[in-house]
Amino acid sequence: KINFVPMRGDFARGIFASVCVDSAMSLEEAVELYRNYYAGAAFTYVS
């Protein structure tokens, strides 16, 4: 299931999504996974 709760904000533009999942990965492993996936993406960045 994706338990999605959308909210209306008091600002004009933008979306802030916070997503939480159970994961056995370390933070370092997760960062590496995301950076590898988006390595060729023109506009998606991992901060």
All heavy atoms as atom14 arrays in JSON, in Angstrom:
{
  "sequence": "KINFVPMRGDFARGIFASVCVDSAMSLEEAVELYRNYYAGAAFTYVS",
  "atom14_mask": [
    [1, 1, 1, 1, 1, 1, 1, 1, 1, 0, 0, 0, 0, 0],
    [1, 1, 1, 1, 1, 1, 1, 1, 0, 0, 0, 0, 0, 0],
    [1, 1, 1, 1, 1, 1, 1, 1, 0, 0, 0, 0, 0, 0],
    [1, 1, 1, 1, 1, 1, 1, 1, 1, 1, 1, 0, 0, 0],
    [1, 1, 1, 1, 1, 1, 1, 0, 0, 0, 0, 0, 0, 0],
    [1, 1, 1, 1, 1, 1, 1, 0, 0, 0, 0, 0, 0, 0],
    [1, 1, 1, 1, 1, 1, 1, 1, 0, 0, 0, 0, 0, 0],
    [1, 1, 1, 1, 1, 1, 1, 1, 1, 1, 1, 0, 0, 0],
    [1, 1, 1, 1, 0, 0, 0, 0, 0, 0, 0, 0, 0, 0],
    [1, 1, 1, 1, 1, 1, 1, 1, 0, 0, 0, 0, 0, 0],
    [1, 1, 1, 1, 1, 1, 1, 1, 1, 1, 1, 0, 0, 0],
    [1, 1, 1, 1, 1, 0, 0, 0, 0, 0, 0, 0, 0, 0],
    [1, 1, 1, 1, 1, 1, 1, 1, 1, 1, 1, 0, 0, 0],
    [1, 1, 1, 1, 0, 0, 0, 0, 0, 0, 0, 0, 0, 0],
    [1, 1, 1, 1, 1, 1, 1, 1, 0, 0, 0, 0, 0, 0],
    [1, 1, 1, 1, 1, 1, 1, 1, 1, 1, 1, 0, 0, 0],
    [1, 1, 1, 1, 1, 0, 0, 0, 0, 0, 0, 0, 0, 0],
    [1, 1, 1, 1, 1, 1, 0, 0, 0, 0, 0, 0, 0, 0],
    [1, 1, 1, 1, 1, 1, 1, 0, 0, 0, 0, 0, 0, 0],
    [1, 1, 1, 1, 1, 1, 0, 0, 0, 0, 0, 0, 0, 0],
    [1, 1, 1, 1, 1, 1, 1, 0, 0, 0, 0, 0, 0, 0],
    [1, 1, 1, 1, 1, 1, 1, 1, 0, 0, 0, 0, 0, 0],
    [1, 1, 1, 1, 1, 1, 0, 0, 0, 0, 0, 0, 0, 0],
    [1, 1, 1, 1, 1, 0, 0, 0, 0, 0, 0, 0, 0, 0],
    [1, 1, 1, 1, 1, 1, 1, 1, 0, 0, 0, 0, 0, 0],
    [1, 1, 1, 1, 1, 1, 0, 0, 0, 0, 0, 0, 0, 0],
    [1, 1, 1, 1, 1, 1, 1, 1, 0, 0, 0, 0, 0, 0],
    [1, 1, 1, 1, 1, 1, 1, 1, 1, 0, 0, 0, 0, 0],
    [1, 1, 1, 1, 1, 1, 1, 1, 1, 0, 0, 0, 0, 0],
    [1, 1, 1, 1, 1, 0, 0, 0, 0, 0, 0, 0, 0, 0],
    [1, 1, 1, 1, 1, 1, 1, 0, 0, 0, 0, 0, 0, 0],
    [1, 1, 1, 1, 1, 1, 1, 1, 1, 0, 0, 0, 0, 0],
    [1, 1, 1, 1, 1, 1, 1, 1, 0, 0, 0, 0, 0, 0],
    [1, 1, 1, 1, 1, 1, 1, 1, 1, 1, 1, 1, 0, 0],
    [1, 1, 1, 1, 1, 1, 1, 1, 1, 1, 1, 0, 0, 0],
    [1, 1, 1, 1, 1, 1, 1, 1, 0, 0, 0, 0, 0, 0],
    [1, 1, 1, 1, 1, 1, 1, 1, 1, 1, 1, 1, 0, 0],
    [1, 1, 1, 1, 1, 1, 1, 1, 1, 1, 1, 1, 0, 0],
    [1, 1, 1, 1, 1, 0, 0, 0, 0, 0, 0, 0, 0, 0],
    [1, 1, 1, 1, 0, 0, 0, 0, 0, 0, 0, 0, 0, 0],
    [1, 1, 1, 1, 1, 0, 0, 0, 0, 0, 0, 0, 0, 0],
    [1, 1, 1, 1, 1, 0, 0, 0, 0, 0, 0, 0, 0, 0],
    [1, 1, 1, 1, 1, 1, 1, 1, 1, 1, 1, 0, 0, 0],
    [1, 1, 1, 1, 1, 1, 1, 0, 0, 0, 0, 0, 0, 0],
    [1, 1, 1, 1, 1, 1, 1, 1, 1, 1, 1, 1, 0, 0],
    [1, 1, 1, 1, 1, 1, 1, 0, 0, 0, 0, 0, 0, 0],
    [1, 1, 1, 1, 1, 1, 0, 0, 0, 0, 0, 0, 0, 0]
  ],
  "atom14_positions": [
    [[0.83, -1.2, 0.0], [0.0, 0.0, 0.0], [0.86, 1.25, 0.0], [1.92, 1.28, 0.62], [-0.9, 0.02, 1.24], [-1.96, -1.06, 1.28], [-2.82, -0.9, 2.54], [-3.92, -1.95, 2.58], [-4.75, -1.81, 3.8], [0.0, 0.0, 0.0], [0.0, 0.0, 0.0], [0.0, 0.0, 0.0], [0.0, 0.0, 0.0], [0.0, 0.0, 0.0]],
    [[0.39, 2.25, -0.7], [0.98, 3.58, -0.61], [-0.03, 4.44, 0.14], [-1.1, 4.76, -0.39], [1.29, 4.16, -1.99], [2.32, 3.29, -2.7], [1.81, 5.59, -1.87], [2.66, 3.74, -4.09], [0.0, 0.0, 0.0], [0.0, 0.0, 0.0], [0.0, 0.0, 0.0], [0.0, 0.0, 0.0], [0.0, 0.0, 0.0], [0.0, 0.0, 0.0]],
    [[0.27, 4.73, 1.37], [-0.63, 5.51, 2.22], [-0.32, 6.99, 2.02], [0.55, 7.56, 2.68], [-0.47, 5.1, 3.68], [-0.8, 3.64, 3.9], [-1.81, 3.14, 3.4], [0.05, 2.93, 4.63], [0.0, 0.0, 0.0], [0.0, 0.0, 0.0], [0.0, 0.0, 0.0], [0.0, 0.0, 0.0], [0.0, 0.0, 0.0], [0.0, 0.0, 0.0]],
    [[-1.03, 7.59, 1.09], [-0.74, 8.96, 0.64], [-1.73, 9.94, 1.26], [-2.93, 9.84, 1.05], [-0.8, 9.0, -0.89], [-0.65, 10.37, -1.5], [0.12, 11.36, -0.89], [-1.25, 10.65, -2.72], [0.26, 12.62, -1.47], [-1.12, 11.9, -3.31], [-0.36, 12.88, -2.68], [0.0, 0.0, 0.0], [0.0, 0.0, 0.0], [0.0, 0.0, 0.0]],
    [[-1.19, 10.9, 2.0], [-2.0, 11.96, 2.59], [-1.59, 13.29, 1.96], [-0.55, 13.86, 2.29], [-1.81, 12.02, 4.13], [-2.66, 13.15, 4.72], [-2.19, 10.68, 4.77], [0.0, 0.0, 0.0], [0.0, 0.0, 0.0], [0.0, 0.0, 0.0], [0.0, 0.0, 0.0], [0.0, 0.0, 0.0], [0.0, 0.0, 0.0], [0.0, 0.0, 0.0]],
    [[-2.37, 13.8, 1.0], [-2.08, 15.09, 0.38], [-2.56, 16.24, 1.26], [-3.57, 16.13, 1.96], [-2.88, 15.05, -0.94], [-3.55, 13.71, -0.98], [-3.55, 13.17, 0.4], [0.0, 0.0, 0.0], [0.0, 0.0, 0.0], [0.0, 0.0, 0.0], [0.0, 0.0, 0.0], [0.0, 0.0, 0.0], [0.0, 0.0, 0.0], [0.0, 0.0, 0.0]],
    [[-1.85, 17.35, 1.17], [-2.2, 18.52, 1.98], [-2.13, 19.78, 1.13], [-1.33, 19.88, 0.21], [-1.26, 18.64, 3.18], [-1.23, 17.41, 4.06], [-0.14, 17.59, 5.5], [-1.15, 18.63, 6.53], [0.0, 0.0, 0.0], [0.0, 0.0, 0.0], [0.0, 0.0, 0.0], [0.0, 0.0, 0.0], [0.0, 0.0, 0.0], [0.0, 0.0, 0.0]],
    [[-3.01, 20.73, 1.46], [-3.0, 22.05, 0.84], [-2.17, 22.99, 1.71], [-2.4, 23.11, 2.92], [-4.41, 22.63, 0.74], [-5.43, 21.79, 0.01], [-6.76, 22.52, 0.01], [-7.84, 21.79, -0.62], [-8.73, 21.06, 0.03], [-8.66, 20.95, 1.36], [-9.7, 20.44, -0.61], [0.0, 0.0, 0.0], [0.0, 0.0, 0.0], [0.0, 0.0, 0.0]],
    [[-1.21, 23.68, 1.09], [-0.37, 24.61, 1.82], [-0.82, 26.05, 1.64], [-1.65, 26.36, 0.79], [0.0, 0.0, 0.0], [0.0, 0.0, 0.0], [0.0, 0.0, 0.0], [0.0, 0.0, 0.0], [0.0, 0.0, 0.0], [0.0, 0.0, 0.0], [0.0, 0.0, 0.0], [0.0, 0.0, 0.0], [0.0, 0.0, 0.0], [0.0, 0.0, 0.0]],
    [[-0.24, 26.94, 2.44], [-0.6, 28.36, 2.37], [0.43, 29.15, 1.57], [0.71, 30.3, 1.86], [-0.76, 28.95, 3.77], [0.54, 28.95, 4.56], [1.48, 28.24, 4.15], [0.61, 29.67, 5.57], [0.0, 0.0, 0.0], [0.0, 0.0, 0.0], [0.0, 0.0, 0.0], [0.0, 0.0, 0.0], [0.0, 0.0, 0.0], [0.0, 0.0, 0.0]],
    [[0.98, 28.52, 0.53], [1.95, 29.15, -0.37], [1.48, 28.9, -1.79], [0.58, 28.07, -2.03], [3.35, 28.58, -0.15], [3.42, 27.08, -0.15], [3.67, 26.38, -1.31], [3.21, 26.36, 1.03], [3.72, 24.99, -1.32], [3.26, 24.97, 1.04], [3.51, 24.29, -0.14], [0.0, 0.0, 0.0], [0.0, 0.0, 0.0], [0.0, 0.0, 0.0]],
    [[2.06, 29.6, -2.75], [1.54, 29.55, -4.12], [2.02, 28.34, -4.91], [1.24, 27.7, -5.61], [1.92, 30.83, -4.87], [0.0, 0.0, 0.0], [0.0, 0.0, 0.0], [0.0, 0.0, 0.0], [0.0, 0.0, 0.0], [0.0, 0.0, 0.0], [0.0, 0.0, 0.0], [0.0, 0.0, 0.0], [0.0, 0.0, 0.0], [0.0, 0.0, 0.0]],
    [[3.31, 28.03, -4.85], [3.81, 26.98, -5.73], [4.87, 26.13, -5.06], [5.63, 26.6, -4.2], [4.33, 27.57, -7.03], [5.39, 28.62, -6.9], [5.56, 29.41, -8.18], [6.04, 28.6, -9.29], [6.02, 29.0, -10.56], [5.51, 30.17, -10.89], [6.48, 28.23, -11.52], [0.0, 0.0, 0.0], [0.0, 0.0, 0.0], [0.0, 0.0, 0.0]],
    [[4.91, 24.88, -5.49], [5.86, 23.92, -4.95], [5.17, 22.73, -4.33], [4.01, 22.81, -3.9], [0.0, 0.0, 0.0], [0.0, 0.0, 0.0], [0.0, 0.0, 0.0], [0.0, 0.0, 0.0], [0.0, 0.0, 0.0], [0.0, 0.0, 0.0], [0.0, 0.0, 0.0], [0.0, 0.0, 0.0], [0.0, 0.0, 0.0], [0.0, 0.0, 0.0]],
    [[5.88, 21.59, -4.32], [5.42, 20.38, -3.62], [6.58, 19.87, -2.77], [7.71, 19.75, -3.24], [4.99, 19.28, -4.6], [3.65, 19.65, -5.26], [4.86, 17.93, -3.89], [3.19, 18.64, -6.3], [0.0, 0.0, 0.0], [0.0, 0.0, 0.0], [0.0, 0.0, 0.0], [0.0, 0.0, 0.0], [0.0, 0.0, 0.0], [0.0, 0.0, 0.0]],
    [[6.27, 19.6, -1.51], [7.23, 18.96, -0.61], [6.64, 17.62, -0.21], [5.62, 17.55, 0.47], [7.47, 19.84, 0.63], [8.64, 19.4, 1.48], [9.74, 20.22, 1.61], [8.65, 18.17, 2.12], [10.84, 19.83, 2.38], [9.73, 17.77, 2.89], [10.83, 18.61, 3.02], [0.0, 0.0, 0.0], [0.0, 0.0, 0.0], [0.0, 0.0, 0.0]],
    [[7.28, 16.54, -0.66], [6.83, 15.19, -0.34], [7.81, 14.53, 0.62], [9.02, 14.52, 0.36], [6.7, 14.36, -1.61], [0.0, 0.0, 0.0], [0.0, 0.0, 0.0], [0.0, 0.0, 0.0], [0.0, 0.0, 0.0], [0.0, 0.0, 0.0], [0.0, 0.0, 0.0], [0.0, 0.0, 0.0], [0.0, 0.0, 0.0], [0.0, 0.0, 0.0]],
    [[7.3, 14.0, 1.71], [8.13, 13.22, 2.63], [7.62, 11.78, 2.61], [6.43, 11.53, 2.81], [8.09, 13.79, 4.04], [6.78, 13.83, 4.55], [0.0, 0.0, 0.0], [0.0, 0.0, 0.0], [0.0, 0.0, 0.0], [0.0, 0.0, 0.0], [0.0, 0.0, 0.0], [0.0, 0.0, 0.0], [0.0, 0.0, 0.0], [0.0, 0.0, 0.0]],
    [[8.54, 10.85, 2.32], [8.19, 9.46, 2.11], [8.98, 8.61, 3.1], [10.2, 8.78, 3.22], [8.52, 9.02, 0.67], [8.16, 7.57, 0.45], [7.81, 9.92, -0.33], [0.0, 0.0, 0.0], [0.0, 0.0, 0.0], [0.0, 0.0, 0.0], [0.0, 0.0, 0.0], [0.0, 0.0, 0.0], [0.0, 0.0, 0.0], [0.0, 0.0, 0.0]],
    [[8.29, 7.72, 3.8], [8.94, 6.9, 4.81], [8.71, 5.42, 4.52], [7.56, 5.01, 4.27], [8.41, 7.25, 6.2], [9.29, 6.43, 7.55], [0.0, 0.0, 0.0], [0.0, 0.0, 0.0], [0.0, 0.0, 0.0], [0.0, 0.0, 0.0], [0.0, 0.0, 0.0], [0.0, 0.0, 0.0], [0.0, 0.0, 0.0], [0.0, 0.0, 0.0]],
    [[9.8, 4.65, 4.52], [9.7, 3.21, 4.27], [10.6, 2.46, 5.25], [11.61, 2.99, 5.73], [10.13, 2.84, 2.83], [9.21, 3.5, 1.81], [11.57, 3.22, 2.56], [0.0, 0.0, 0.0], [0.0, 0.0, 0.0], [0.0, 0.0, 0.0], [0.0, 0.0, 0.0], [0.0, 0.0, 0.0], [0.0, 0.0, 0.0], [0.0, 0.0, 0.0]],
    [[10.25, 1.21, 5.53], [11.16, 0.33, 6.26], [12.3, -0.05, 5.34], [12.08, -0.39, 4.16], [10.43, -0.93, 6.73], [9.4, -0.64, 7.82], [9.63, 0.29, 8.61], [8.38, -1.36, 7.86], [0.0, 0.0, 0.0], [0.0, 0.0, 0.0], [0.0, 0.0, 0.0], [0.0, 0.0, 0.0], [0.0, 0.0, 0.0], [0.0, 0.0, 0.0]],
    [[13.52, -0.01, 5.87], [14.68, -0.34, 5.04], [15.83, -0.84, 5.9], [16.14, -0.26, 6.94], [15.14, 0.89, 4.25], [16.31, 0.61, 3.51], [0.0, 0.0, 0.0], [0.0, 0.0, 0.0], [0.0, 0.0, 0.0], [0.0, 0.0, 0.0], [0.0, 0.0, 0.0], [0.0, 0.0, 0.0], [0.0, 0.0, 0.0], [0.0, 0.0, 0.0]],
    [[16.46, -1.9, 5.41], [17.63, -2.45, 6.11], [18.93, -1.82, 5.61], [19.99, -2.06, 6.19], [17.69, -3.97, 5.91], [0.0, 0.0, 0.0], [0.0, 0.0, 0.0], [0.0, 0.0, 0.0], [0.0, 0.0, 0.0], [0.0, 0.0, 0.0], [0.0, 0.0, 0.0], [0.0, 0.0, 0.0], [0.0, 0.0, 0.0], [0.0, 0.0, 0.0]],
    [[18.86, -1.0, 4.58], [20.06, -0.36, 4.06], [20.62, 0.66, 5.04], [19.87, 1.3, 5.79], [19.75, 0.37, 2.74], [19.58, -0.49, 1.54], [19.48, 0.53, 0.03], [17.95, 1.41, 0.32], [0.0, 0.0, 0.0], [0.0, 0.0, 0.0], [0.0, 0.0, 0.0], [0.0, 0.0, 0.0], [0.0, 0.0, 0.0], [0.0, 0.0, 0.0]],
    [[21.92, 0.86, 4.99], [22.52, 1.98, 5.7], [22.26, 3.25, 4.9], [21.9, 3.19, 3.72], [24.03, 1.77, 5.85], [24.67, 1.83, 4.58], [0.0, 0.0, 0.0], [0.0, 0.0, 0.0], [0.0, 0.0, 0.0], [0.0, 0.0, 0.0], [0.0, 0.0, 0.0], [0.0, 0.0, 0.0], [0.0, 0.0, 0.0], [0.0, 0.0, 0.0]],
    [[22.46, 4.4, 5.51], [22.28, 5.66, 4.8], [23.25, 5.73, 3.61], [22.86, 6.17, 2.52], [22.52, 6.85, 5.74], [22.44, 8.24, 5.09], [21.06, 8.47, 4.47], [22.76, 9.33, 6.12], [0.0, 0.0, 0.0], [0.0, 0.0, 0.0], [0.0, 0.0, 0.0], [0.0, 0.0, 0.0], [0.0, 0.0, 0.0], [0.0, 0.0, 0.0]],
    [[24.47, 5.28, 3.81], [25.46, 5.33, 2.75], [25.03, 4.47, 1.56], [25.19, 4.86, 0.39], [26.82, 4.85, 3.26], [27.48, 5.78, 4.27], [26.85, 5.73, 5.65], [26.13, 4.74, 5.96], [27.05, 6.69, 6.43], [0.0, 0.0, 0.0], [0.0, 0.0, 0.0], [0.0, 0.0, 0.0], [0.0, 0.0, 0.0], [0.0, 0.0, 0.0]],
    [[24.46, 3.3, 1.83], [23.99, 2.43, 0.76], [22.81, 3.08, 0.02], [22.72, 2.98, -1.21], [23.57, 1.08, 1.34], [24.74, 0.24, 1.82], [24.3, -0.99, 2.59], [23.22, -0.96, 3.23], [25.03, -2.0, 2.56], [0.0, 0.0, 0.0], [0.0, 0.0, 0.0], [0.0, 0.0, 0.0], [0.0, 0.0, 0.0], [0.0, 0.0, 0.0]],
    [[21.92, 3.71, 0.77], [20.76, 4.36, 0.15], [21.2, 5.52, -0.74], [20.7, 5.67, -1.87], [19.79, 4.85, 1.23], [0.0, 0.0, 0.0], [0.0, 0.0, 0.0], [0.0, 0.0, 0.0], [0.0, 0.0, 0.0], [0.0, 0.0, 0.0], [0.0, 0.0, 0.0], [0.0, 0.0, 0.0], [0.0, 0.0, 0.0], [0.0, 0.0, 0.0]],
    [[22.12, 6.32, -0.25], [22.61, 7.45, -1.04], [23.27, 6.95, -2.33], [23.04, 7.5, -3.42], [23.59, 8.31, -0.22], [24.31, 9.32, -1.11], [22.85, 9.04, 0.9], [0.0, 0.0, 0.0], [0.0, 0.0, 0.0], [0.0, 0.0, 0.0], [0.0, 0.0, 0.0], [0.0, 0.0, 0.0], [0.0, 0.0, 0.0], [0.0, 0.0, 0.0]],
    [[24.06, 5.9, -2.23], [24.71, 5.34, -3.41], [23.68, 4.83, -4.41], [23.81, 5.04, -5.62], [25.65, 4.2, -3.02], [26.41, 3.6, -4.2], [27.36, 2.49, -3.8], [27.28, 2.02, -2.64], [28.17, 2.07, -4.64], [0.0, 0.0, 0.0], [0.0, 0.0, 0.0], [0.0, 0.0, 0.0], [0.0, 0.0, 0.0], [0.0, 0.0, 0.0]],
    [[22.63, 4.16, -3.91], [21.57, 3.65, -4.78], [20.91, 4.78, -5.54], [20.72, 4.69, -6.77], [20.54, 2.9, -3.92], [19.28, 2.42, -4.66], [19.64, 1.27, -5.6], [18.2, 1.98, -3.67], [0.0, 0.0, 0.0], [0.0, 0.0, 0.0], [0.0, 0.0, 0.0], [0.0, 0.0, 0.0], [0.0, 0.0, 0.0], [0.0, 0.0, 0.0]],
    [[20.55, 5.84, -4.84], [19.86, 6.96, -5.47], [20.76, 7.71, -6.44], [20.33, 8.1, -7.53], [19.3, 7.9, -4.39], [17.94, 7.47, -3.9], [17.78, 6.33, -3.13], [16.79, 8.19, -4.22], [16.54, 5.92, -2.69], [15.54, 7.8, -3.78], [15.41, 6.66, -3.01], [14.17, 6.25, -2.59], [0.0, 0.0, 0.0], [0.0, 0.0, 0.0]],
    [[22.0, 7.92, -6.06], [22.91, 8.65, -6.95], [23.21, 7.86, -8.22], [23.31, 8.43, -9.31], [24.18, 9.03, -6.21], [23.93, 10.15, -5.21], [25.19, 10.87, -4.8], [24.84, 12.09, -4.09], [25.43, 12.54, -3.0], [26.44, 11.87, -2.49], [25.05, 13.67, -2.44], [0.0, 0.0, 0.0], [0.0, 0.0, 0.0], [0.0, 0.0, 0.0]],
    [[23.32, 6.56, -8.09], [23.55, 5.73, -9.28], [22.33, 5.77, -10.2], [22.48, 5.86, -11.42], [23.86, 4.29, -8.87], [25.26, 4.14, -8.3], [26.12, 5.0, -8.49], [25.49, 3.06, -7.57], [0.0, 0.0, 0.0], [0.0, 0.0, 0.0], [0.0, 0.0, 0.0], [0.0, 0.0, 0.0], [0.0, 0.0, 0.0], [0.0, 0.0, 0.0]],
    [[21.13, 5.7, -9.61], [19.92, 5.68, -10.43], [19.77, 7.0, -11.19], [19.38, 7.0, -12.36], [18.69, 5.43, -9.56], [17.42, 5.26, -10.37], [17.03, 4.01, -10.82], [16.63, 6.35, -10.71], [15.89, 3.84, -11.6], [15.49, 6.2, -11.49], [15.12, 4.95, -11.93], [13.98, 4.8, -12.7], [0.0, 0.0, 0.0], [0.0, 0.0, 0.0]],
    [[20.07, 8.11, -10.54], [19.86, 9.42, -11.15], [21.14, 10.0, -11.76], [21.18, 11.18, -12.1], [19.28, 10.39, -10.12], [17.85, 10.06, -9.77], [17.48, 9.78, -8.46], [16.87, 9.99, -10.75], [16.17, 9.45, -8.14], [15.55, 9.67, -10.44], [15.21, 9.39, -9.14], [13.91, 9.06, -8.83], [0.0, 0.0, 0.0], [0.0, 0.0, 0.0]],
    [[22.15, 9.17, -11.97], [23.43, 9.66, -12.5], [23.26, 10.32, -13.86], [23.95, 11.3, -14.17], [24.43, 8.51, -12.58], [0.0, 0.0, 0.0], [0.0, 0.0, 0.0], [0.0, 0.0, 0.0], [0.0, 0.0, 0.0], [0.0, 0.0, 0.0], [0.0, 0.0, 0.0], [0.0, 0.0, 0.0], [0.0, 0.0, 0.0], [0.0, 0.0, 0.0]],
    [[22.34, 9.81, -14.68], [22.16, 10.39, -16.01], [20.97, 11.31, -16.12], [20.65, 11.77, -17.23], [0.0, 0.0, 0.0], [0.0, 0.0, 0.0], [0.0, 0.0, 0.0], [0.0, 0.0, 0.0], [0.0, 0.0, 0.0], [0.0, 0.0, 0.0], [0.0, 0.0, 0.0], [0.0, 0.0, 0.0], [0.0, 0.0, 0.0], [0.0, 0.0, 0.0]],
    [[20.32, 11.61, -15.01], [19.13, 12.46, -15.04], [19.52, 13.92, -15.21], [20.46, 14.4, -14.58], [18.32, 12.28, -13.77], [0.0, 0.0, 0.0], [0.0, 0.0, 0.0], [0.0, 0.0, 0.0], [0.0, 0.0, 0.0], [0.0, 0.0, 0.0], [0.0, 0.0, 0.0], [0.0, 0.0, 0.0], [0.0, 0.0, 0.0], [0.0, 0.0, 0.0]],
    [[18.76, 14.62, -16.05], [19.1, 16.01, -16.35], [18.71, 16.97, -15.23], [19.34, 18.02, -15.07], [18.41, 16.43, -17.65], [0.0, 0.0, 0.0], [0.0, 0.0, 0.0], [0.0, 0.0, 0.0], [0.0, 0.0, 0.0], [0.0, 0.0, 0.0], [0.0, 0.0, 0.0], [0.0, 0.0, 0.0], [0.0, 0.0, 0.0], [0.0, 0.0, 0.0]],
    [[17.68, 16.61, -14.46], [17.14, 17.59, -13.51], [16.94, 17.05, -12.08], [16.48, 17.8, -11.22], [15.8, 18.13, -14.01], [15.93, 19.0, -15.24], [15.6, 18.51, -16.49], [16.38, 20.31, -15.14], [15.72, 19.3, -17.63], [16.5, 21.11, -16.26], [16.17, 20.61, -17.5], [0.0, 0.0, 0.0], [0.0, 0.0, 0.0], [0.0, 0.0, 0.0]],
    [[17.22, 15.79, -11.84], [16.99, 15.21, -10.52], [18.31, 15.02, -9.79], [19.24, 14.41, -10.33], [16.24, 13.88, -10.63], [14.98, 14.11, -11.28], [15.96, 13.29, -9.25], [0.0, 0.0, 0.0], [0.0, 0.0, 0.0], [0.0, 0.0, 0.0], [0.0, 0.0, 0.0], [0.0, 0.0, 0.0], [0.0, 0.0, 0.0], [0.0, 0.0, 0.0]],
    [[18.37, 15.55, -8.59], [19.62, 15.6, -7.83], [19.41, 15.06, -6.42], [18.35, 15.25, -5.83], [20.14, 17.04, -7.73], [20.3, 17.72, -9.07], [19.27, 18.49, -9.6], [21.47, 17.58, -9.81], [19.41, 19.12, -10.83], [21.61, 18.19, -11.05], [20.58, 18.96, -11.55], [20.71, 19.57, -12.78], [0.0, 0.0, 0.0], [0.0, 0.0, 0.0]],
    [[20.44, 14.4, -5.9], [20.43, 13.93, -4.52], [21.31, 14.86, -3.7], [22.5, 15.04, -4.0], [20.94, 12.47, -4.42], [20.93, 12.0, -2.97], [20.09, 11.55, -5.29], [0.0, 0.0, 0.0], [0.0, 0.0, 0.0], [0.0, 0.0, 0.0], [0.0, 0.0, 0.0], [0.0, 0.0, 0.0], [0.0, 0.0, 0.0], [0.0, 0.0, 0.0]],
    [[20.72, 15.47, -2.67], [21.41, 16.46, -1.86], [22.03, 15.82, -0.62], [21.48, 14.88, -0.05], [20.42, 17.55, -1.44], [21.01, 18.44, -0.52], [0.0, 0.0, 0.0], [0.0, 0.0, 0.0], [0.0, 0.0, 0.0], [0.0, 0.0, 0.0], [0.0, 0.0, 0.0], [0.0, 0.0, 0.0], [0.0, 0.0, 0.0], [0.0, 0.0, 0.0]]
  ]
}
